[in-house]
Amino acid sequence: MKKVFVLNSEYFGHGDNKLGNQLMGAFLKKVWGKDEKPDAIIFYNSAVKLLARGSDYLDALTGLEEAGVELLACGTCINSYELKEHMEVGLISGMQEIVEIMMEAESVITI
């Protein structure tokens, strides 16, 4: 893996959640539109909600997955938010795999 993004919240940044939600959508859509994409995006804590039914950004996330970007959701987080039956995109992963991907990456960018 060369480049890995880590999303730890359903919002981009801290402060106003409505603005943070809009910024996350803009971010995901811009990444989807780029020729060069990350190899993987890891979702943990409330960021896993982005992968579930009802997310405003399933189009961008589905497009990223179809473009070959691995979308990996923290299994503990999925269970905590009771989203296992509601996942629309991505794969449920464990901390061991997440650590391995991050350790092997040339670049890890946390959003």
C-alpha atoms as a PDB file:
ATOM      1  CA  MET A   1       0.000   0.000   0.000  1.00  0.00           C
ATOM      2  CA  LYS A   2       1.246   3.396  -0.860  1.00  0.00           C
ATOM      3  CA  LYS A   3      -1.358   5.835   0.446  1.00  0.00           C
ATOM      4  CA  VAL A   4      -3.945   5.259   3.156  1.00  0.00           C
ATOM      5  CA  PHE A   5      -6.525   7.712   4.465  1.00  0.00           C
ATOM      6  CA  VAL A   6      -7.962   7.268   7.945  1.00  0.00           C
ATOM      7  CA  LEU A   7     -11.355   8.743   8.787  1.00  0.00           C
ATOM      8  CA  ASN A   8     -12.197   8.797  12.482  1.00  0.00           C
ATOM      9  CA  SER A   9     -15.433  10.766  12.367  1.00  0.00           C
ATOM     10  CA  GLU A  10     -18.464  11.174  10.161  1.00  0.00           C
ATOM     11  CA  TYR A  11     -17.584  14.880  10.155  1.00  0.00           C
ATOM     12  CA  PHE A  12     -14.632  16.647   8.564  1.00  0.00           C
ATOM     13  CA  GLY A  13     -12.967  18.624  11.339  1.00  0.00           C
ATOM     14  CA  HIS A  14     -14.272  19.749  14.709  1.00  0.00           C
ATOM     15  CA  GLY A  15     -16.871  22.368  15.491  1.00  0.00           C
ATOM     16  CA  ASP A  16     -20.151  22.737  13.657  1.00  0.00           C
ATOM     17  CA  ASN A  17     -21.385  19.241  12.713  1.00  0.00           C
ATOM     18  CA  LYS A  18     -23.575  20.473   9.851  1.00  0.00           C
ATOM     19  CA  LEU A  19     -20.577  22.172   8.271  1.00  0.00           C
ATOM     20  CA  GLY A  20     -18.393  19.155   9.064  1.00  0.00           C
ATOM     21  CA  ASN A  21     -20.879  16.894   7.271  1.00  0.00           C
ATOM     22  CA  GLN A  22     -20.851  19.129   4.185  1.00  0.00           C
ATOM     23  CA  LEU A  23     -17.050  19.246   4.220  1.00  0.00           C
ATOM     24  CA  MET A  24     -16.816  15.440   4.501  1.00  0.00           C
ATOM     25  CA  GLY A  25     -19.082  15.110   1.478  1.00  0.00           C
ATOM     26  CA  ALA A  26     -17.000  17.579  -0.517  1.00  0.00           C
ATOM     27  CA  PHE A  27     -13.818  15.770   0.520  1.00  0.00           C
ATOM     28  CA  LEU A  28     -15.075  12.310  -0.482  1.00  0.00           C
ATOM     29  CA  LYS A  29     -16.419  13.560  -3.809  1.00  0.00           C
ATOM     30  CA  LYS A  30     -13.124  15.316  -4.630  1.00  0.00           C
ATOM     31  CA  VAL A  31     -11.119  12.193  -3.791  1.00  0.00           C
ATOM     32  CA  TRP A  32     -13.496  10.153  -5.973  1.00  0.00           C
ATOM     33  CA  GLY A  33     -12.965  12.597  -8.845  1.00  0.00           C
ATOM     34  CA  LYS A  34      -9.152  12.517  -8.696  1.00  0.00           C
ATOM     35  CA  ASP A  35      -7.160  10.377 -11.093  1.00  0.00           C
ATOM     36  CA  GLU A  36      -4.836   9.331  -8.268  1.00  0.00           C
ATOM     37  CA  LYS A  37      -6.710   7.784  -5.386  1.00  0.00           C
ATOM     38  CA  PRO A  38      -5.609   6.294  -2.074  1.00  0.00           C
ATOM     39  CA  ASP A  39      -5.104   2.562  -1.937  1.00  0.00           C
ATOM     40  CA  ALA A  40      -7.331   2.285   1.121  1.00  0.00           C
ATOM     41  CA  ILE A  41      -9.560   4.313   3.387  1.00  0.00           C
ATOM     42  CA  ILE A  42      -9.934   3.098   6.953  1.00  0.00           C
ATOM     43  CA  PHE A  43     -13.079   4.097   8.852  1.00  0.00           C
ATOM     44  CA  TYR A  44     -13.308   3.959  12.628  1.00  0.00           C
ATOM     45  CA  ASN A  45     -15.386   5.459  15.397  1.00  0.00           C
ATOM     46  CA  SER A  46     -18.369   7.379  13.939  1.00  0.00           C
ATOM     47  CA  ALA A  47     -16.807   7.429  10.446  1.00  0.00           C
ATOM     48  CA  VAL A  48     -18.234   3.922   9.954  1.00  0.00           C
ATOM     49  CA  LYS A  49     -21.671   5.564   9.666  1.00  0.00           C
ATOM     50  CA  LEU A  50     -20.572   6.888   6.265  1.00  0.00           C
ATOM     51  CA  LEU A  51     -20.603   3.312   4.918  1.00  0.00           C
ATOM     52  CA  ALA A  52     -24.114   2.467   6.079  1.00  0.00           C
ATOM     53  CA  ARG A  53     -27.611   2.834   4.696  1.00  0.00           C
ATOM     54  CA  GLY A  54     -28.736   6.450   4.953  1.00  0.00           C
ATOM     55  CA  SER A  55     -25.292   7.951   4.376  1.00  0.00           C
ATOM     56  CA  ASP A  56     -25.389  10.983   2.108  1.00  0.00           C
ATOM     57  CA  TYR A  57     -22.155   9.934   0.417  1.00  0.00           C
ATOM     58  CA  LEU A  58     -22.712   6.367  -0.721  1.00  0.00           C
ATOM     59  CA  ASP A  59     -22.362   7.457  -4.358  1.00  0.00           C
ATOM     60  CA  ALA A  60     -18.812   8.710  -3.821  1.00  0.00           C
ATOM     61  CA  LEU A  61     -17.880   5.760  -1.609  1.00  0.00           C
ATOM     62  CA  THR A  62     -19.300   3.233  -4.070  1.00  0.00           C
ATOM     63  CA  GLY A  63     -17.401   4.990  -6.856  1.00  0.00           C
ATOM     64  CA  LEU A  64     -14.174   4.825  -4.855  1.00  0.00           C
ATOM     65  CA  GLU A  65     -14.675   1.136  -4.141  1.00  0.00           C
ATOM     66  CA  GLU A  66     -15.402   0.450  -7.817  1.00  0.00           C
ATOM     67  CA  ALA A  67     -12.189   2.322  -8.672  1.00  0.00           C
ATOM     68  CA  GLY A  68     -10.230  -0.149  -6.529  1.00  0.00           C
ATOM     69  CA  VAL A  69      -9.969   1.744  -3.231  1.00  0.00           C
ATOM     70  CA  GLU A  70     -10.285  -0.611  -0.254  1.00  0.00           C
ATOM     71  CA  LEU A  71     -12.871   0.700   2.196  1.00  0.00           C
ATOM     72  CA  LEU A  72     -12.266  -0.913   5.573  1.00  0.00           C
ATOM     73  CA  ALA A  73     -14.550  -0.429   8.560  1.00  0.00           C
ATOM     74  CA  CYS A  74     -13.503  -1.146  12.135  1.00  0.00           C
ATOM     75  CA  GLY A  75     -15.541  -4.167  13.217  1.00  0.00           C
ATOM     76  CA  THR A  76     -15.711  -3.070  16.863  1.00  0.00           C
ATOM     77  CA  CYS A  77     -17.103   0.291  15.723  1.00  0.00           C
ATOM     78  CA  ILE A  78     -19.636  -1.340  13.402  1.00  0.00           C
ATOM     79  CA  ASN A  79     -20.837  -3.475  16.311  1.00  0.00           C
ATOM     80  CA  SER A  80     -20.931  -0.524  18.692  1.00  0.00           C
ATOM     81  CA  TYR A  81     -23.160   1.469  16.335  1.00  0.00           C
ATOM     82  CA  GLU A  82     -25.151  -1.678  15.440  1.00  0.00           C
ATOM     83  CA  LEU A  83     -24.532  -1.178  11.713  1.00  0.00           C
ATOM     84  CA  LYS A  84     -23.580  -4.686  10.578  1.00  0.00           C
ATOM     85  CA  GLU A  85     -26.918  -5.279   8.848  1.00  0.00           C
ATOM     86  CA  HIS A  86     -26.910  -1.775   7.367  1.00  0.00           C
ATOM     87  CA  MET A  87     -23.524  -1.722   5.606  1.00  0.00           C
ATOM     88  CA  GLU A  88     -23.934  -0.635   1.988  1.00  0.00           C
ATOM     89  CA  VAL A  89     -20.292  -0.407   0.933  1.00  0.00           C
ATOM     90  CA  GLY A  90     -16.896  -1.456   2.257  1.00  0.00           C
ATOM     91  CA  LEU A  91     -15.660  -4.411   4.263  1.00  0.00           C
ATOM     92  CA  ILE A  92     -15.666  -5.030   7.989  1.00  0.00           C
ATOM     93  CA  SER A  93     -12.110  -5.381   9.233  1.00  0.00           C
ATOM     94  CA  GLY A  94     -10.307  -6.080  12.467  1.00  0.00           C
ATOM     95  CA  MET A  95      -7.703  -4.040  14.266  1.00  0.00           C
ATOM     96  CA  GLN A  96      -4.969  -6.518  13.290  1.00  0.00           C
ATOM     97  CA  GLU A  97      -5.570  -5.898   9.576  1.00  0.00           C
ATOM     98  CA  ILE A  98      -5.909  -2.140  10.122  1.00  0.00           C
ATOM     99  CA  VAL A  99      -2.568  -2.029  11.958  1.00  0.00           C
ATOM    100  CA  GLU A 100      -0.868  -4.075   9.232  1.00  0.00           C
ATOM    101  CA  ILE A 101      -2.184  -1.810   6.467  1.00  0.00           C
ATOM    102  CA  MET A 102      -1.088   1.313   8.316  1.00  0.00           C
ATOM    103  CA  MET A 103       2.364  -0.122   9.073  1.00  0.00           C
ATOM    104  CA  GLU A 104       2.918  -1.119   5.441  1.00  0.00           C
ATOM    105  CA  ALA A 105       1.720   2.166   3.972  1.00  0.00           C
ATOM    106  CA  GLU A 106       4.188   4.716   2.681  1.00  0.00           C
ATOM    107  CA  SER A 107       1.789   7.478   3.713  1.00  0.00           C
ATOM    108  CA  VAL A 108      -1.053   7.510   6.255  1.00  0.00           C
ATOM    109  CA  ILE A 109      -3.194  10.629   6.313  1.00  0.00           C
ATOM    110  CA  THR A 110      -5.707  11.038   9.124  1.00  0.00           C
ATOM    111  CA  ILE A 111      -8.727  13.207   8.405  1.00  0.00           C
END
